[in-house]
Every structure is written in C-alpha cells, then in structure tokens.
Amino acid sequence: MPPAIRVEIVPYSATWPESARQEIDHLTLALGSALSAIHHIGSTAIPGLGAKPIIDLMPVFTDIELLDDLLPALANLGYQCWGELGIPGRRYLTKNSETGTRLVQLHGFQLGSLHIERHLAFRDYLRANPGLLGDYQTEKLRCACLHPADSHAYSDCKADWIIRVELKAIDWYRSFST
C-alpha cells in the first residue's frame, strides 16, 4: 500500500486540465497501442471544485495484462505500481516529485470494466450539476479536518457521500446511452 500522504485541499486551479493533458501525452507515447483511452477524472477534472493538487488519470487498456507488461516503461516516467489496491481489476500507480510530493495517480482498468463508467459518470454528473460542488467541497473539507495527515482515512471518510452521489450519477449517465 502506498504511504498515506498529508491532505491539503486547495482552490480549483485552471492549470489542472493542462497538466493532465501533458501527462496524458507522455503516457500515450509510453503506452502506445495498448491504450484504448486515458481520461482525466477526480476532483481536478471538475471546474470550480477544490481538491488535493494531484491529477487523477484513468488509462483504459484493451487488456489489463498489457499494462502489467508496460510497468517498466511507466517506472521510467516515475510511476510506482501498487497493484489492485482494493479494487479488483484496477492497477493503481502513483508518481511523486523528487521531493516526494504526490503529483499523479493512475487508475488503470481494462476496457469494459464497470469502474470506468462509475468514474466517468461521477465526474460528468458533478460537471453538469455545479450546485453539488458546494456540498462535496464541504464534505472534503470536513474529512480533511478530521484526517489531515492520512489520505487513506480521508478517502474512507468521504466514501459514503461519493457512493450516494455516484448511484444518482450512474443512472443519469446511463440515461444518455439508452
């Protein structure tokens, strides 16, 4: 398991989408044809929402074992793999700065995984419903105050809020595909 990191929620930065795009470009070059897509997910992908200043990306692979074969290429980009880390079928990787500050988190899945839909649905639902951002921001700040030095406990703390909204988000998201 990756070490817990300090939780700092900062105001939304208009630089986050560009940072994500640049990292996506590096990953696309390194991973090539194994990739089906890479999505910017998480709070840094939602305009107006404060977040930990860590870019979350979700690379989608035609076969997750192709990602396993490409771990040396990702290590060359500074990524460390932590395995599934509690989500079957996921590959979780982190990239830190030279000083140890977490910069990027990858949540790799195989094409067809239901986890892809839930991440995209949650992101897109919050983008389409900016009235929810204040509620989510309040929950994030509450959990950060309770667990300022433990990112794992922080994530667990806000999980109920996320799951509740995620269920609505998935129904909303699926309404566009039927």
C-alpha atoms as a PDB file:
ATOM      1  CA  MET A   1       0.000   0.000   0.000  1.00  0.00           C
ATOM      2  CA  PRO A   2       1.337   3.447  -0.817  1.00  0.00           C
ATOM      3  CA  PRO A   3       2.136   5.544   2.229  1.00  0.00           C
ATOM      4  CA  ALA A   4      -0.582   7.884   3.399  1.00  0.00           C
ATOM      5  CA  ILE A   5       0.071  11.491   2.463  1.00  0.00           C
ATOM      6  CA  ARG A   6      -0.900  14.788   4.006  1.00  0.00           C
ATOM      7  CA  VAL A   7      -4.323  16.039   2.883  1.00  0.00           C
ATOM      8  CA  GLU A   8      -4.384  19.603   1.636  1.00  0.00           C
ATOM      9  CA  ILE A   9      -7.458  20.865  -0.192  1.00  0.00           C
ATOM     10  CA  VAL A  10      -6.627  23.841  -2.398  1.00  0.00           C
ATOM     11  CA  PRO A  11      -8.899  26.001  -4.580  1.00  0.00           C
ATOM     12  CA  TYR A  12      -9.524  24.824  -8.127  1.00  0.00           C
ATOM     13  CA  SER A  13      -6.673  25.654 -10.493  1.00  0.00           C
ATOM     14  CA  ALA A  14      -7.239  26.353 -14.171  1.00  0.00           C
ATOM     15  CA  THR A  15      -3.807  24.750 -14.752  1.00  0.00           C
ATOM     16  CA  TRP A  16      -5.015  21.259 -13.809  1.00  0.00           C
ATOM     17  CA  PRO A  17      -6.579  20.344 -17.177  1.00  0.00           C
ATOM     18  CA  GLU A  18      -3.369  21.361 -18.982  1.00  0.00           C
ATOM     19  CA  SER A  19      -1.242  19.393 -16.509  1.00  0.00           C
ATOM     20  CA  ALA A  20      -3.484  16.396 -17.118  1.00  0.00           C
ATOM     21  CA  ARG A  21      -3.213  16.825 -20.897  1.00  0.00           C
ATOM     22  CA  GLN A  22       0.581  16.954 -20.724  1.00  0.00           C
ATOM     23  CA  GLU A  23       0.738  13.825 -18.604  1.00  0.00           C
ATOM     24  CA  ILE A  24      -1.723  12.087 -20.942  1.00  0.00           C
ATOM     25  CA  ASP A  25       0.597  12.936 -23.848  1.00  0.00           C
ATOM     26  CA  HIS A  26       3.597  11.371 -22.042  1.00  0.00           C
ATOM     27  CA  LEU A  27       1.601   8.278 -21.136  1.00  0.00           C
ATOM     28  CA  THR A  28       0.227   7.890 -24.656  1.00  0.00           C
ATOM     29  CA  LEU A  29       3.754   7.851 -26.051  1.00  0.00           C
ATOM     30  CA  ALA A  30       4.943   5.353 -23.446  1.00  0.00           C
ATOM     31  CA  LEU A  31       1.957   3.004 -23.615  1.00  0.00           C
ATOM     32  CA  GLY A  32       1.119   3.154 -27.314  1.00  0.00           C
ATOM     33  CA  SER A  33      -1.338   0.739 -28.844  1.00  0.00           C
ATOM     34  CA  ALA A  34      -2.121  -0.971 -25.532  1.00  0.00           C
ATOM     35  CA  LEU A  35      -4.237   2.068 -24.663  1.00  0.00           C
ATOM     36  CA  SER A  36      -7.856   2.465 -25.623  1.00  0.00           C
ATOM     37  CA  ALA A  37      -8.188   5.894 -23.928  1.00  0.00           C
ATOM     38  CA  ILE A  38      -6.976   7.987 -20.998  1.00  0.00           C
ATOM     39  CA  HIS A  39      -9.477  10.066 -19.021  1.00  0.00           C
ATOM     40  CA  HIS A  40      -8.864  12.906 -16.570  1.00  0.00           C
ATOM     41  CA  ILE A  41     -11.013  12.007 -13.549  1.00  0.00           C
ATOM     42  CA  GLY A  42     -11.314  13.011  -9.924  1.00  0.00           C
ATOM     43  CA  SER A  43     -11.714  16.440  -8.413  1.00  0.00           C
ATOM     44  CA  THR A  44      -9.045  18.145 -10.521  1.00  0.00           C
ATOM     45  CA  ALA A  45     -11.223  17.312 -13.553  1.00  0.00           C
ATOM     46  CA  ILE A  46     -14.216  19.242 -12.191  1.00  0.00           C
ATOM     47  CA  PRO A  47     -14.029  23.013 -12.811  1.00  0.00           C
ATOM     48  CA  GLY A  48     -14.624  25.046  -9.680  1.00  0.00           C
ATOM     49  CA  LEU A  49     -14.045  22.228  -7.198  1.00  0.00           C
ATOM     50  CA  GLY A  50     -11.221  22.495  -4.692  1.00  0.00           C
ATOM     51  CA  ALA A  51      -9.059  19.399  -4.448  1.00  0.00           C
ATOM     52  CA  LYS A  52      -5.852  17.834  -3.369  1.00  0.00           C
ATOM     53  CA  PRO A  53      -3.484  19.100  -6.092  1.00  0.00           C
ATOM     54  CA  ILE A  54      -2.981  15.608  -7.509  1.00  0.00           C
ATOM     55  CA  ILE A  55      -4.015  14.746 -11.055  1.00  0.00           C
ATOM     56  CA  ASP A  56      -6.072  11.549 -11.311  1.00  0.00           C
ATOM     57  CA  LEU A  57      -5.968   9.818 -14.672  1.00  0.00           C
ATOM     58  CA  MET A  58      -7.731   6.671 -15.796  1.00  0.00           C
ATOM     59  CA  PRO A  59      -5.940   4.814 -18.583  1.00  0.00           C
ATOM     60  CA  VAL A  60      -8.155   2.210 -20.236  1.00  0.00           C
ATOM     61  CA  PHE A  61      -6.490  -0.823 -21.795  1.00  0.00           C
ATOM     62  CA  THR A  62      -7.733  -3.356 -24.310  1.00  0.00           C
ATOM     63  CA  ASP A  63      -6.208  -5.962 -21.976  1.00  0.00           C
ATOM     64  CA  ILE A  64      -5.079  -5.082 -18.442  1.00  0.00           C
ATOM     65  CA  GLU A  65      -2.192  -7.554 -18.743  1.00  0.00           C
ATOM     66  CA  LEU A  66      -0.720  -5.237 -21.380  1.00  0.00           C
ATOM     67  CA  LEU A  67      -0.384  -2.635 -18.624  1.00  0.00           C
ATOM     68  CA  ASP A  68       1.418  -5.175 -16.471  1.00  0.00           C
ATOM     69  CA  ASP A  69       3.882  -5.717 -19.315  1.00  0.00           C
ATOM     70  CA  LEU A  70       4.447  -1.944 -19.589  1.00  0.00           C
ATOM     71  CA  LEU A  71       5.281  -1.312 -15.930  1.00  0.00           C
ATOM     72  CA  PRO A  72       9.000  -0.779 -16.732  1.00  0.00           C
ATOM     73  CA  ALA A  73       8.061   1.986 -19.200  1.00  0.00           C
ATOM     74  CA  LEU A  74       5.901   3.598 -16.522  1.00  0.00           C
ATOM     75  CA  ALA A  75       8.702   3.280 -13.977  1.00  0.00           C
ATOM     76  CA  ASN A  76      10.882   5.230 -16.419  1.00  0.00           C
ATOM     77  CA  LEU A  77       8.275   8.017 -16.233  1.00  0.00           C
ATOM     78  CA  GLY A  78       8.460   7.963 -12.430  1.00  0.00           C
ATOM     79  CA  TYR A  79       5.465   5.759 -11.626  1.00  0.00           C
ATOM     80  CA  GLN A  80       5.304   3.155  -8.896  1.00  0.00           C
ATOM     81  CA  CYS A  81       2.715   0.370  -9.138  1.00  0.00           C
ATOM     82  CA  TRP A  82       0.700  -0.665  -6.081  1.00  0.00           C
ATOM     83  CA  GLY A  83      -1.388  -3.416  -7.711  1.00  0.00           C
ATOM     84  CA  GLU A  84      -5.169  -3.522  -7.450  1.00  0.00           C
ATOM     85  CA  LEU A  85      -5.236  -1.805  -4.045  1.00  0.00           C
ATOM     86  CA  GLY A  86      -8.726  -2.892  -3.058  1.00  0.00           C
ATOM     87  CA  ILE A  87     -10.455  -2.595  -6.454  1.00  0.00           C
ATOM     88  CA  PRO A  88     -10.423  -5.869  -8.420  1.00  0.00           C
ATOM     89  CA  GLY A  89      -9.116  -5.408 -11.936  1.00  0.00           C
ATOM     90  CA  ARG A  90      -7.558  -1.991 -11.253  1.00  0.00           C
ATOM     91  CA  ARG A  91      -3.893  -1.136 -11.456  1.00  0.00           C
ATOM     92  CA  TYR A  92      -3.090   1.793  -9.176  1.00  0.00           C
ATOM     93  CA  LEU A  93       0.108   3.742  -9.793  1.00  0.00           C
ATOM     94  CA  THR A  94       1.494   6.919  -8.267  1.00  0.00           C
ATOM     95  CA  LYS A  95       4.011   9.479  -9.433  1.00  0.00           C
ATOM     96  CA  ASN A  96       5.799  11.744  -6.972  1.00  0.00           C
ATOM     97  CA  SER A  97       8.066  14.737  -7.398  1.00  0.00           C
ATOM     98  CA  GLU A  98      11.727  14.485  -6.469  1.00  0.00           C
ATOM     99  CA  THR A  99      10.795  15.863  -3.031  1.00  0.00           C
ATOM    100  CA  GLY A 100       8.148  13.169  -2.525  1.00  0.00           C
ATOM    101  CA  THR A 101       5.058  15.268  -3.270  1.00  0.00           C
ATOM    102  CA  ARG A 102       2.352  13.203  -4.966  1.00  0.00           C
ATOM    103  CA  LEU A 103       1.732  14.587  -8.466  1.00  0.00           C
ATOM    104  CA  VAL A 104      -0.328  11.998 -10.365  1.00  0.00           C
ATOM    105  CA  GLN A 105      -2.379   8.909  -9.599  1.00  0.00           C
ATOM    106  CA  LEU A 106      -3.261   6.385 -12.295  1.00  0.00           C
ATOM    107  CA  HIS A 107      -6.291   4.126 -12.041  1.00  0.00           C
ATOM    108  CA  GLY A 108      -5.825   1.648 -14.897  1.00  0.00           C
ATOM    109  CA  PHE A 109      -8.704  -0.564 -15.999  1.00  0.00           C
ATOM    110  CA  GLN A 110      -9.470  -2.975 -18.809  1.00  0.00           C
ATOM    111  CA  LEU A 111     -11.982  -1.855 -21.427  1.00  0.00           C
ATOM    112  CA  GLY A 112     -15.450  -2.939 -20.292  1.00  0.00           C
ATOM    113  CA  SER A 113     -14.829  -2.559 -16.552  1.00  0.00           C
ATOM    114  CA  LEU A 114     -17.820  -1.110 -14.701  1.00  0.00           C
ATOM    115  CA  HIS A 115     -15.365   1.057 -12.760  1.00  0.00           C
ATOM    116  CA  ILE A 116     -14.762   3.092 -15.899  1.00  0.00           C
ATOM    117  CA  GLU A 117     -18.428   4.009 -16.118  1.00  0.00           C
ATOM    118  CA  ARG A 118     -18.714   4.965 -12.448  1.00  0.00           C
ATOM    119  CA  HIS A 119     -15.673   7.260 -12.579  1.00  0.00           C
ATOM    120  CA  LEU A 120     -16.845   8.987 -15.754  1.00  0.00           C
ATOM    121  CA  ALA A 121     -20.444   9.203 -14.514  1.00  0.00           C
ATOM    122  CA  PHE A 122     -19.391  10.822 -11.222  1.00  0.00           C
ATOM    123  CA  ARG A 123     -17.127  13.335 -12.967  1.00  0.00           C
ATOM    124  CA  ASP A 124     -19.653  14.246 -15.633  1.00  0.00           C
ATOM    125  CA  TYR A 125     -22.562  14.422 -13.163  1.00  0.00           C
ATOM    126  CA  LEU A 126     -20.710  16.914 -10.985  1.00  0.00           C
ATOM    127  CA  ARG A 127     -19.724  18.929 -14.050  1.00  0.00           C
ATOM    128  CA  ALA A 128     -23.380  19.051 -15.110  1.00  0.00           C
ATOM    129  CA  ASN A 129     -24.666  19.829 -11.597  1.00  0.00           C
ATOM    130  CA  PRO A 130     -22.498  22.620 -10.186  1.00  0.00           C
ATOM    131  CA  GLY A 131     -24.941  23.017  -7.304  1.00  0.00           C
ATOM    132  CA  LEU A 132     -23.459  19.830  -5.835  1.00  0.00           C
ATOM    133  CA  LEU A 133     -19.932  21.243  -5.750  1.00  0.00           C
ATOM    134  CA  GLY A 134     -20.527  23.167  -2.519  1.00  0.00           C
ATOM    135  CA  ASP A 135     -21.821  20.044  -0.779  1.00  0.00           C
ATOM    136  CA  TYR A 136     -18.887  17.973  -1.990  1.00  0.00           C
ATOM    137  CA  GLN A 137     -16.437  20.715  -1.054  1.00  0.00           C
ATOM    138  CA  THR A 138     -17.914  20.822   2.461  1.00  0.00           C
ATOM    139  CA  GLU A 139     -17.569  17.048   2.797  1.00  0.00           C
ATOM    140  CA  LYS A 140     -13.978  17.120   1.532  1.00  0.00           C
ATOM    141  CA  LEU A 141     -13.029  19.885   3.968  1.00  0.00           C
ATOM    142  CA  ARG A 142     -14.764  18.083   6.859  1.00  0.00           C
ATOM    143  CA  CYS A 143     -12.830  14.896   6.121  1.00  0.00           C
ATOM    144  CA  ALA A 144      -9.559  16.790   5.616  1.00  0.00           C
ATOM    145  CA  CYS A 145     -10.008  18.411   9.053  1.00  0.00           C
ATOM    146  CA  LEU A 146     -10.663  15.017  10.629  1.00  0.00           C
ATOM    147  CA  HIS A 147      -7.741  13.293   8.859  1.00  0.00           C
ATOM    148  CA  PRO A 148      -5.162  15.928   7.841  1.00  0.00           C
ATOM    149  CA  ALA A 149      -2.196  13.551   7.874  1.00  0.00           C
ATOM    150  CA  ASP A 150      -3.830  10.397   6.490  1.00  0.00           C
ATOM    151  CA  SER A 151      -5.037  10.395   2.879  1.00  0.00           C
ATOM    152  CA  HIS A 152      -6.361   6.847   3.274  1.00  0.00           C
ATOM    153  CA  ALA A 153      -8.623   7.790   6.200  1.00  0.00           C
ATOM    154  CA  TYR A 154      -9.642  10.955   4.319  1.00  0.00           C
ATOM    155  CA  SER A 155     -10.767   8.858   1.343  1.00  0.00           C
ATOM    156  CA  ASP A 156     -12.662   6.464   3.607  1.00  0.00           C
ATOM    157  CA  CYS A 157     -14.327   9.419   5.340  1.00  0.00           C
ATOM    158  CA  LYS A 158     -15.826  10.856   2.159  1.00  0.00           C
ATOM    159  CA  ALA A 159     -16.728   7.466   0.637  1.00  0.00           C
ATOM    160  CA  ASP A 160     -20.372   7.459   1.803  1.00  0.00           C
ATOM    161  CA  TRP A 161     -21.006  10.855   0.185  1.00  0.00           C
ATOM    162  CA  ILE A 162     -19.372   9.714  -3.045  1.00  0.00           C
ATOM    163  CA  ILE A 163     -21.291   6.432  -3.189  1.00  0.00           C
ATOM    164  CA  ARG A 164     -24.615   8.205  -2.591  1.00  0.00           C
ATOM    165  CA  VAL A 165     -23.989  10.678  -5.417  1.00  0.00           C
ATOM    166  CA  GLU A 166     -22.391   8.052  -7.630  1.00  0.00           C
ATOM    167  CA  LEU A 167     -25.595   5.993  -7.681  1.00  0.00           C
ATOM    168  CA  LYS A 168     -27.538   9.001  -8.997  1.00  0.00           C
ATOM    169  CA  ALA A 169     -24.706   9.812 -11.391  1.00  0.00           C
ATOM    170  CA  ILE A 170     -24.712   6.336 -12.928  1.00  0.00           C
ATOM    171  CA  ASP A 171     -28.478   6.463 -13.557  1.00  0.00           C
ATOM    172  CA  TRP A 172     -28.074   9.938 -15.073  1.00  0.00           C
ATOM    173  CA  TYR A 173     -25.106   8.801 -17.201  1.00  0.00           C
ATOM    174  CA  ARG A 174     -26.916   5.717 -18.476  1.00  0.00           C
ATOM    175  CA  SER A 175     -29.917   7.824 -19.500  1.00  0.00           C
ATOM    176  CA  PHE A 176     -27.758   9.223 -22.308  1.00  0.00           C
ATOM    177  CA  SER A 177     -26.840   5.819 -23.691  1.00  0.00           C
ATOM    178  CA  THR A 178     -30.332   4.329 -23.873  1.00  0.00           C
END
